[in-house]
Amino acid sequence: MVKKIKMLFDGQLLSRAFIQKQTGIFRVSDEIFKVLSKRDDVELYFLVTNNRRGETEKYLESRGLSHLIPNIVRLPKLLMSTKTRNLYHKIYGGFLRKILPYVYGKKLKEFDVYFSPFPAISPVVKKAGVKTVSFFYDIIPVLYPNFAFVYKSQAKNFVSFVNNINSDLILFDSKSARDDFLRWRYPFDFNRAKICYLAADKRFCKKSDSEIKKVADKYHIPHKPYLFGISEANPRKNFAHVIKSFIEYVEKTGDKNLNLVIAGKKLPGYDYLAECSDKLEKYKDRIILTGYVDDEDIPALYSGASIFMYPSLYEGFGLPLLEAMQCGIPVITADNSSLPEVGGDAVAYVSGFDVIETANMIEKILNDKEFSDDLIKKSLERVKLFSWKETVDIMINEVKKIGV
């Protein structure tokens, strides 16, 4: 008989992000949770640390996991015990850290391991003697606070989080992310820091022409070839570079057919269009900014593109890169951080700063069919190296090594 690991999965991110239609880390947490729920060696429980009833139930029902609703564990004060943002949080959080081990301790002791897909783990959990595991994506707010958040206070809070994280096991989504963390937190026990690559969901695949047309019409995208970029607007995502490179390519070649589509909501306080050249006005009708797009429409947007543009200035992993590769389109990305780990020899690399270099790469992919086809062929082979099952297999194997 398989010995089951009784796991308490911190679900505050999932339930909140599901209601608010957030992506990014939510998507990673969602995939990990779904795979964990199918394992014979894991008895899964869903931790809720807020008082908004109904969110978690809706999330579980949407994933076909209604049978886990009885496994919801509500410890609403636990999240507040981790906060130290201001004087009130410090005083109230300190009080909770003293009292909650008596209030929540008995419940927490029922579990073998507490898994956090992102949020800070309360010292209350550590005091209960539960093994703790954190998934770590990057330390961008530490290394590049100007890239991290619109609100600088969030970057400051994240620095404190990184400096104080003390989980029994920390899983990183790339060697690059782990190395950055270990340099920052030196000396740190290397054996507690393990690499656990991400993957693209199977729904990311080449879509039919009819599906592509339907989604294009939904977002008012002309039925013409287009370059595609997607993300929340952030200086790190380098959208201004993408636009400048598109304009440079069009100016150089005289291509009158190609458009540029950028999907993703704009965050307050940052406007990448303001960084673009004075030629932007000339091409504004060929640059389509869709704003937020529904998650189910993204595979068709990838599939309809001539090239996926991802010259990010830094990534912990770069999941959109893998999603685009899996949809069978050529990819241009930057040669920094984790991106070469993910792309291997299956994508075209640029510096992310040289507009002429990127424009020339666009031209090469569009005009050199042999080169473009080779990238697609290599991409479809490379994505086979990544799977969510493998991600969770590695995770559970590492969890067992810490004495669970």
Protein backbone atom coordinates (compact mmCIF):
# COMPACT_ATOMS: atom_id res chain seq x y z
CA MET A 1 0.00 0.00 0.00
CA VAL A 2 1.32 3.44 -0.98
CA LYS A 3 2.06 5.69 2.00
CA LYS A 4 0.30 8.96 1.38
CA ILE A 5 1.87 12.32 2.08
CA LYS A 6 -0.67 14.47 3.86
CA MET A 7 -0.10 17.84 2.19
CA LEU A 8 -1.59 21.21 3.09
CA PHE A 9 -1.51 23.29 -0.10
CA ASP A 10 -1.60 27.06 0.49
CA GLY A 11 -4.44 28.00 -1.86
CA GLN A 12 -4.90 31.70 -1.11
CA LEU A 13 -3.29 32.62 -4.44
CA LEU A 14 -5.43 30.18 -6.44
CA SER A 15 -8.82 31.11 -5.08
CA ARG A 16 -8.21 34.86 -5.28
CA ALA A 17 -6.52 34.81 -8.70
CA PHE A 18 -9.21 32.56 -10.17
CA ILE A 19 -11.94 35.06 -9.28
CA GLN A 20 -9.86 38.02 -10.49
CA LYS A 21 -8.77 36.22 -13.71
CA GLN A 22 -5.08 36.63 -13.00
CA THR A 23 -2.39 34.68 -14.85
CA GLY A 24 1.35 34.16 -14.41
CA ILE A 25 2.07 32.45 -11.10
CA PHE A 26 -1.60 31.51 -10.84
CA ARG A 27 -1.24 29.34 -13.94
CA VAL A 28 1.79 27.55 -12.47
CA SER A 29 0.08 26.99 -9.11
CA ASP A 30 -3.04 25.76 -10.87
CA GLU A 31 -1.13 23.16 -12.91
CA ILE A 32 0.80 21.90 -9.89
CA PHE A 33 -2.38 21.61 -7.83
CA LYS A 34 -4.22 19.69 -10.57
CA VAL A 35 -1.40 17.15 -10.95
CA LEU A 36 -1.02 16.76 -7.18
CA SER A 37 -4.74 16.05 -6.90
CA LYS A 38 -4.33 12.98 -9.15
CA ARG A 39 -1.41 11.36 -7.32
CA ASP A 40 -1.97 8.18 -5.32
CA ASP A 41 0.78 9.08 -2.86
CA VAL A 42 -0.61 12.50 -1.87
CA GLU A 43 -3.59 13.26 0.35
CA LEU A 44 -4.29 16.84 -0.63
CA TYR A 45 -5.85 19.60 1.48
CA PHE A 46 -6.57 23.18 0.42
CA LEU A 47 -5.62 25.94 2.85
CA VAL A 48 -7.69 29.13 2.86
CA THR A 49 -6.35 32.18 4.70
CA ASN A 50 -9.12 34.67 4.01
CA ASN A 51 -12.74 35.00 5.04
CA ARG A 52 -14.26 35.26 1.55
CA ARG A 53 -16.32 32.10 1.40
CA GLY A 54 -17.27 30.66 -1.95
CA GLU A 55 -14.11 31.56 -3.88
CA THR A 56 -12.32 28.31 -3.12
CA GLU A 57 -15.38 26.19 -3.81
CA LYS A 58 -15.82 27.88 -7.21
CA TYR A 59 -12.19 27.26 -8.06
CA LEU A 60 -12.34 23.56 -7.14
CA GLU A 61 -15.62 23.06 -9.00
CA SER A 62 -14.17 24.70 -12.12
CA ARG A 63 -11.31 22.18 -12.09
CA GLY A 64 -13.54 19.15 -11.60
CA LEU A 65 -12.25 18.75 -8.06
CA SER A 66 -15.46 19.13 -6.07
CA HIS A 67 -14.53 16.00 -4.11
CA LEU A 68 -11.79 18.11 -2.44
CA ILE A 69 -14.25 20.65 -1.01
CA PRO A 70 -14.45 18.68 2.29
CA ASN A 71 -10.63 19.02 2.42
CA ILE A 72 -10.72 22.81 2.66
CA VAL A 73 -8.87 23.99 5.77
CA ARG A 74 -9.66 27.54 6.93
CA LEU A 75 -7.04 29.32 9.04
CA PRO A 76 -7.99 32.95 8.32
CA LYS A 77 -5.49 34.70 10.61
CA LEU A 78 -2.46 32.83 9.30
CA LEU A 79 -1.73 35.21 6.42
CA MET A 80 -1.75 38.28 8.64
CA SER A 81 0.87 36.64 10.87
CA THR A 82 3.39 36.96 8.01
CA LYS A 83 2.86 40.66 7.30
CA THR A 84 5.35 43.32 8.38
CA ARG A 85 4.54 46.15 5.99
CA ASN A 86 3.81 48.86 8.54
CA LEU A 87 3.70 49.47 12.28
CA TYR A 88 0.19 48.04 12.61
CA HIS A 89 1.15 44.85 10.77
CA LYS A 90 4.29 44.47 12.87
CA ILE A 91 2.41 44.81 16.15
CA TYR A 92 -0.64 42.76 15.18
CA GLY A 93 1.41 40.17 13.27
CA GLY A 94 3.75 39.80 16.25
CA PHE A 95 0.76 39.19 18.53
CA LEU A 96 -0.62 36.55 16.15
CA ARG A 97 2.73 34.78 15.92
CA LYS A 98 2.63 34.36 19.68
CA ILE A 99 -0.99 33.26 20.03
CA LEU A 100 -1.64 31.25 16.85
CA PRO A 101 0.68 28.32 17.67
CA TYR A 102 -1.82 27.51 20.44
CA VAL A 103 -4.90 28.21 18.30
CA TYR A 104 -3.80 26.57 15.02
CA GLY A 105 -0.96 24.36 16.19
CA LYS A 106 -3.01 21.20 16.73
CA LYS A 107 -4.56 21.43 13.25
CA LEU A 108 -1.24 22.10 11.53
CA LYS A 109 0.38 19.11 13.24
CA GLU A 110 -2.03 16.85 11.35
CA PHE A 111 -0.08 17.42 8.12
CA ASP A 112 3.23 16.03 6.89
CA VAL A 113 4.12 18.99 4.71
CA TYR A 114 2.94 22.53 4.06
CA PHE A 115 3.40 23.60 0.44
CA SER A 116 3.40 27.24 -0.63
CA PRO A 117 3.29 27.97 -4.38
CA PHE A 118 4.29 31.56 -3.66
CA PRO A 119 3.14 33.25 -0.44
CA ALA A 120 5.40 33.61 2.57
CA ILE A 121 5.08 30.78 5.09
CA SER A 122 4.12 31.88 8.58
CA PRO A 123 6.49 31.14 11.48
CA VAL A 124 3.39 29.62 13.08
CA VAL A 125 3.66 26.72 10.63
CA LYS A 126 7.35 26.22 11.45
CA LYS A 127 6.57 26.19 15.18
CA ALA A 128 4.02 23.43 14.59
CA GLY A 129 6.81 21.18 13.34
CA VAL A 130 5.38 20.75 9.83
CA LYS A 131 7.91 20.35 7.01
CA THR A 132 7.71 23.35 4.69
CA VAL A 133 8.20 23.60 0.93
CA SER A 134 8.19 26.80 -1.15
CA PHE A 135 8.14 27.26 -4.90
CA PHE A 136 10.32 30.14 -6.00
CA TYR A 137 10.14 31.76 -9.44
CA ASP A 138 12.72 34.55 -9.42
CA ILE A 139 14.17 37.31 -7.29
CA ILE A 140 13.48 40.07 -9.81
CA PRO A 141 12.27 42.55 -7.15
CA VAL A 142 15.60 42.07 -5.36
CA LEU A 143 17.91 42.29 -8.36
CA TYR A 144 15.90 44.75 -10.47
CA PRO A 145 13.37 46.62 -8.32
CA ASN A 146 12.64 49.00 -11.21
CA PHE A 147 11.33 46.02 -13.20
CA ALA A 148 9.37 44.37 -10.43
CA PHE A 149 6.20 46.22 -9.58
CA VAL A 150 4.38 49.43 -10.27
CA TYR A 151 4.25 50.04 -6.52
CA LYS A 152 7.77 50.23 -5.07
CA SER A 153 6.55 49.17 -1.62
CA GLN A 154 5.81 45.72 -3.07
CA ALA A 155 9.41 45.34 -4.18
CA LYS A 156 10.59 46.32 -0.69
CA ASN A 157 8.31 43.74 0.90
CA PHE A 158 9.59 41.08 -1.47
CA VAL A 159 13.19 41.81 -0.50
CA SER A 160 12.23 41.16 3.12
CA PHE A 161 10.49 37.94 2.05
CA VAL A 162 13.60 36.68 0.20
CA ASN A 163 15.90 37.60 3.07
CA ASN A 164 13.79 35.69 5.59
CA ILE A 165 12.57 32.63 3.69
CA ASN A 166 13.60 29.55 5.64
CA SER A 167 11.66 26.63 4.19
CA ASP A 168 12.95 23.09 4.55
CA LEU A 169 12.92 22.83 0.75
CA ILE A 170 12.85 25.56 -1.88
CA LEU A 171 12.02 24.62 -5.48
CA PHE A 172 13.26 26.89 -8.28
CA ASP A 173 11.90 26.96 -11.81
CA SER A 174 15.36 27.31 -13.39
CA LYS A 175 19.06 27.02 -12.63
CA SER A 176 19.34 30.73 -13.35
CA ALA A 177 16.77 31.59 -10.68
CA ARG A 178 18.38 29.26 -8.15
CA ASP A 179 21.86 30.65 -8.79
CA ASP A 180 20.63 34.21 -8.33
CA PHE A 181 19.00 33.26 -5.04
CA LEU A 182 22.05 31.43 -3.75
CA ARG A 183 24.32 34.36 -4.59
CA TRP A 184 21.98 36.74 -2.76
CA ARG A 185 21.49 34.49 0.26
CA TYR A 186 25.09 33.24 0.51
CA PRO A 187 25.81 31.17 2.53
CA PHE A 188 22.69 29.02 2.06
CA ASP A 189 22.37 25.23 2.23
CA PHE A 190 22.64 24.17 -1.43
CA ASN A 191 20.86 20.88 -0.67
CA ARG A 192 17.68 22.76 0.25
CA ALA A 193 17.56 24.48 -3.16
CA LYS A 194 16.37 22.26 -6.03
CA ILE A 195 15.48 22.90 -9.68
CA CYS A 196 11.97 22.01 -10.82
CA TYR A 197 11.23 23.17 -14.37
CA LEU A 198 7.79 24.32 -15.46
CA ALA A 199 5.79 23.19 -18.50
CA ALA A 200 3.11 24.37 -20.92
CA ASP A 201 -0.39 22.98 -20.67
CA LYS A 202 -1.39 20.58 -23.46
CA ARG A 203 -4.05 23.02 -24.67
CA PHE A 204 -1.20 25.09 -26.09
CA CYS A 205 -0.99 23.56 -29.54
CA LYS A 206 -1.47 24.62 -33.14
CA LYS A 207 -5.08 25.70 -33.65
CA SER A 208 -7.16 25.47 -36.80
CA ASP A 209 -7.59 28.37 -39.22
CA SER A 210 -11.23 28.72 -38.19
CA GLU A 211 -10.30 29.00 -34.49
CA ILE A 212 -7.58 31.53 -35.29
CA LYS A 213 -9.99 33.64 -37.36
CA LYS A 214 -12.67 33.55 -34.65
CA VAL A 215 -10.29 34.77 -31.96
CA ALA A 216 -8.75 37.37 -34.28
CA ASP A 217 -12.21 38.80 -34.96
CA LYS A 218 -12.96 38.89 -31.24
CA TYR A 219 -9.97 41.17 -30.61
CA HIS A 220 -10.28 43.16 -33.87
CA ILE A 221 -7.07 41.76 -35.32
CA PRO A 222 -6.89 42.11 -39.13
CA HIS A 223 -6.54 38.91 -41.14
CA LYS A 224 -2.93 39.65 -42.02
CA PRO A 225 0.42 38.25 -40.85
CA TYR A 226 1.41 39.53 -37.42
CA LEU A 227 4.14 39.44 -34.83
CA PHE A 228 2.81 38.60 -31.37
CA GLY A 229 3.79 39.53 -27.82
CA ILE A 230 1.91 38.88 -24.58
CA SER A 231 2.28 39.88 -20.94
CA GLU A 232 1.14 42.46 -18.45
CA ALA A 233 2.84 45.72 -19.39
CA ASN A 234 6.09 45.90 -17.46
CA PRO A 235 9.45 47.52 -18.31
CA ARG A 236 11.08 44.07 -18.00
CA LYS A 237 8.97 42.65 -20.83
CA ASN A 238 10.62 45.10 -23.23
CA PHE A 239 7.56 45.90 -25.35
CA ALA A 240 9.03 49.24 -26.39
CA HIS A 241 11.90 47.30 -27.94
CA VAL A 242 9.43 45.05 -29.76
CA ILE A 243 7.62 48.06 -31.24
CA LYS A 244 10.85 49.81 -32.25
CA SER A 245 12.12 46.60 -33.87
CA PHE A 246 8.85 46.16 -35.75
CA ILE A 247 9.04 49.73 -37.06
CA GLU A 248 12.73 49.28 -37.97
CA TYR A 249 11.89 46.12 -39.92
CA VAL A 250 9.02 47.77 -41.80
CA GLU A 251 11.10 50.87 -42.59
CA LYS A 252 13.97 48.73 -43.87
CA THR A 253 11.97 46.26 -45.97
CA GLY A 254 8.93 48.28 -46.97
CA ASP A 255 6.69 45.40 -45.83
CA LYS A 256 3.15 46.78 -46.07
CA ASN A 257 1.39 43.64 -44.86
CA LEU A 258 2.83 42.73 -41.44
CA ASN A 259 1.15 43.92 -38.23
CA LEU A 260 2.17 43.76 -34.57
CA VAL A 261 -0.21 42.44 -31.89
CA ILE A 262 0.52 42.93 -28.19
CA ALA A 263 -1.85 41.31 -25.69
CA GLY A 264 -2.08 41.90 -21.96
CA LYS A 265 -3.46 44.51 -19.64
CA LYS A 266 -1.60 47.73 -18.99
CA LEU A 267 -0.64 48.35 -15.40
CA PRO A 268 -1.12 51.85 -13.96
CA GLY A 269 1.95 54.01 -13.93
CA TYR A 270 3.77 52.54 -16.93
CA ASP A 271 3.30 53.36 -20.61
CA TYR A 272 5.75 51.61 -22.95
CA LEU A 273 4.37 53.55 -25.92
CA ALA A 274 5.94 56.68 -24.46
CA GLU A 275 9.36 55.08 -24.92
CA CYS A 276 8.87 54.47 -28.64
CA SER A 277 10.17 56.49 -31.58
CA ASP A 278 8.55 59.48 -33.20
CA LYS A 279 7.59 57.13 -36.05
CA LEU A 280 5.00 55.43 -33.83
CA GLU A 281 2.19 57.67 -35.09
CA LYS A 282 2.93 56.61 -38.68
CA TYR A 283 2.35 52.93 -37.84
CA LYS A 284 -0.26 53.16 -35.10
CA ASP A 285 -2.90 51.46 -37.28
CA ARG A 286 -0.64 48.43 -37.65
CA ILE A 287 0.08 48.04 -33.93
CA ILE A 288 -2.87 46.37 -32.20
CA LEU A 289 -3.01 46.50 -28.40
CA THR A 290 -5.72 44.05 -27.36
CA GLY A 291 -5.61 44.67 -23.61
CA TYR A 292 -6.57 41.71 -21.42
CA VAL A 293 -7.34 38.52 -23.35
CA ASP A 294 -9.26 35.52 -22.06
CA ASP A 295 -7.02 32.62 -21.15
CA GLU A 296 -8.77 30.22 -23.52
CA ASP A 297 -8.00 32.52 -26.48
CA ILE A 298 -4.23 32.62 -26.02
CA PRO A 299 -3.38 29.38 -27.93
CA ALA A 300 -5.14 30.71 -31.04
CA LEU A 301 -3.33 34.05 -30.77
CA TYR A 302 -0.01 32.20 -30.62
CA SER A 303 -1.01 29.92 -33.50
CA GLY A 304 -1.99 32.76 -35.79
CA ALA A 305 1.30 34.63 -35.37
CA SER A 306 4.19 34.60 -37.81
CA ILE A 307 6.67 35.07 -34.95
CA PHE A 308 6.35 35.20 -31.17
CA MET A 309 8.35 38.12 -29.77
CA TYR A 310 9.77 37.64 -26.26
CA PRO A 311 12.91 39.78 -25.83
CA SER A 312 12.42 40.01 -22.06
CA LEU A 313 15.23 41.60 -20.07
CA TYR A 314 15.01 39.00 -17.31
CA GLU A 315 12.96 35.87 -16.57
CA GLY A 316 12.83 33.32 -13.79
CA PHE A 317 11.61 30.78 -16.35
CA GLY A 318 9.62 32.36 -19.21
CA LEU A 319 6.53 30.19 -19.57
CA PRO A 320 5.10 32.07 -22.61
CA LEU A 321 8.24 31.06 -24.49
CA LEU A 322 7.39 27.38 -24.00
CA GLU A 323 3.69 27.94 -24.79
CA ALA A 324 4.53 29.58 -28.12
CA MET A 325 7.02 26.85 -29.03
CA GLN A 326 4.36 24.24 -28.32
CA CYS A 327 1.97 26.06 -30.69
CA GLY A 328 4.47 25.56 -33.50
CA ILE A 329 5.57 29.09 -34.32
CA PRO A 330 9.09 30.57 -34.55
CA VAL A 331 10.26 32.46 -31.48
CA ILE A 332 12.59 35.41 -31.00
CA THR A 333 13.76 35.81 -27.43
CA ALA A 334 16.58 37.44 -25.47
CA ASP A 335 19.82 35.70 -24.56
CA ASN A 336 19.68 36.37 -20.81
CA SER A 337 18.73 34.75 -17.48
CA SER A 338 16.72 31.51 -17.82
CA LEU A 339 15.65 31.93 -21.44
CA PRO A 340 18.48 29.86 -23.01
CA GLU A 341 17.68 27.09 -20.48
CA VAL A 342 14.14 26.93 -21.79
CA GLY A 343 14.69 27.64 -25.48
CA GLY A 344 17.86 25.61 -26.08
CA ASP A 345 18.72 25.62 -29.77
CA ALA A 346 15.05 25.85 -30.79
CA VAL A 347 14.62 29.63 -30.74
CA ALA A 348 16.33 32.70 -32.23
CA TYR A 349 18.24 34.82 -29.71
CA VAL A 350 18.83 38.58 -29.66
CA SER A 351 20.31 40.89 -27.05
CA GLY A 352 17.06 42.64 -26.14
CA PHE A 353 18.73 46.03 -26.52
CA ASP A 354 19.79 46.15 -30.17
CA VAL A 355 16.80 47.17 -32.29
CA ILE A 356 18.59 46.62 -35.60
CA GLU A 357 19.66 43.11 -34.55
CA THR A 358 16.06 42.21 -33.64
CA ALA A 359 14.68 43.74 -36.86
CA ASN A 360 17.20 41.73 -38.88
CA MET A 361 16.13 38.54 -37.07
CA ILE A 362 12.48 39.27 -37.89
CA GLU A 363 13.47 39.65 -41.53
CA LYS A 364 15.48 36.42 -41.52
CA ILE A 365 12.65 34.33 -40.06
CA LEU A 366 10.03 35.80 -42.39
CA ASN A 367 12.13 35.41 -45.52
CA ASP A 368 14.17 32.27 -44.85
CA LYS A 369 11.64 29.43 -44.85
CA GLU A 370 14.28 26.76 -44.21
CA PHE A 371 15.49 28.61 -41.11
CA SER A 372 11.93 29.22 -39.88
CA ASP A 373 10.86 25.60 -40.44
CA ASP A 374 13.96 24.38 -38.61
CA LEU A 375 13.10 26.52 -35.57
CA ILE A 376 9.56 25.13 -35.53
CA LYS A 377 10.77 21.55 -35.86
CA LYS A 378 13.29 21.96 -33.04
CA SER A 379 10.69 23.72 -30.86
CA LEU A 380 8.19 20.89 -31.15
CA GLU A 381 10.91 18.43 -30.11
CA ARG A 382 12.23 20.56 -27.25
CA VAL A 383 8.85 21.06 -25.57
CA LYS A 384 8.68 17.29 -25.08
CA LEU A 385 11.38 17.70 -22.41
CA PHE A 386 8.93 19.62 -20.19
CA SER A 387 5.77 18.27 -18.55
CA TRP A 388 3.77 19.11 -15.43
CA LYS A 389 3.84 15.45 -14.43
CA GLU A 390 7.63 15.54 -14.46
CA THR A 391 7.56 18.81 -12.50
CA VAL A 392 5.45 17.26 -9.73
CA ASP A 393 7.39 13.97 -9.81
CA ILE A 394 10.59 15.89 -9.06
CA MET A 395 8.81 17.91 -6.41
CA ILE A 396 7.48 14.86 -4.56
CA ASN A 397 10.83 13.04 -4.78
CA GLU A 398 12.54 16.04 -3.18
CA VAL A 399 9.81 16.30 -0.54
CA LYS A 400 10.44 12.69 0.47
CA LYS A 401 14.15 13.45 0.94
CA ILE A 402 13.44 15.98 3.70
CA GLY A 403 11.98 13.31 5.92
CA VAL A 404 8.30 13.45 5.00
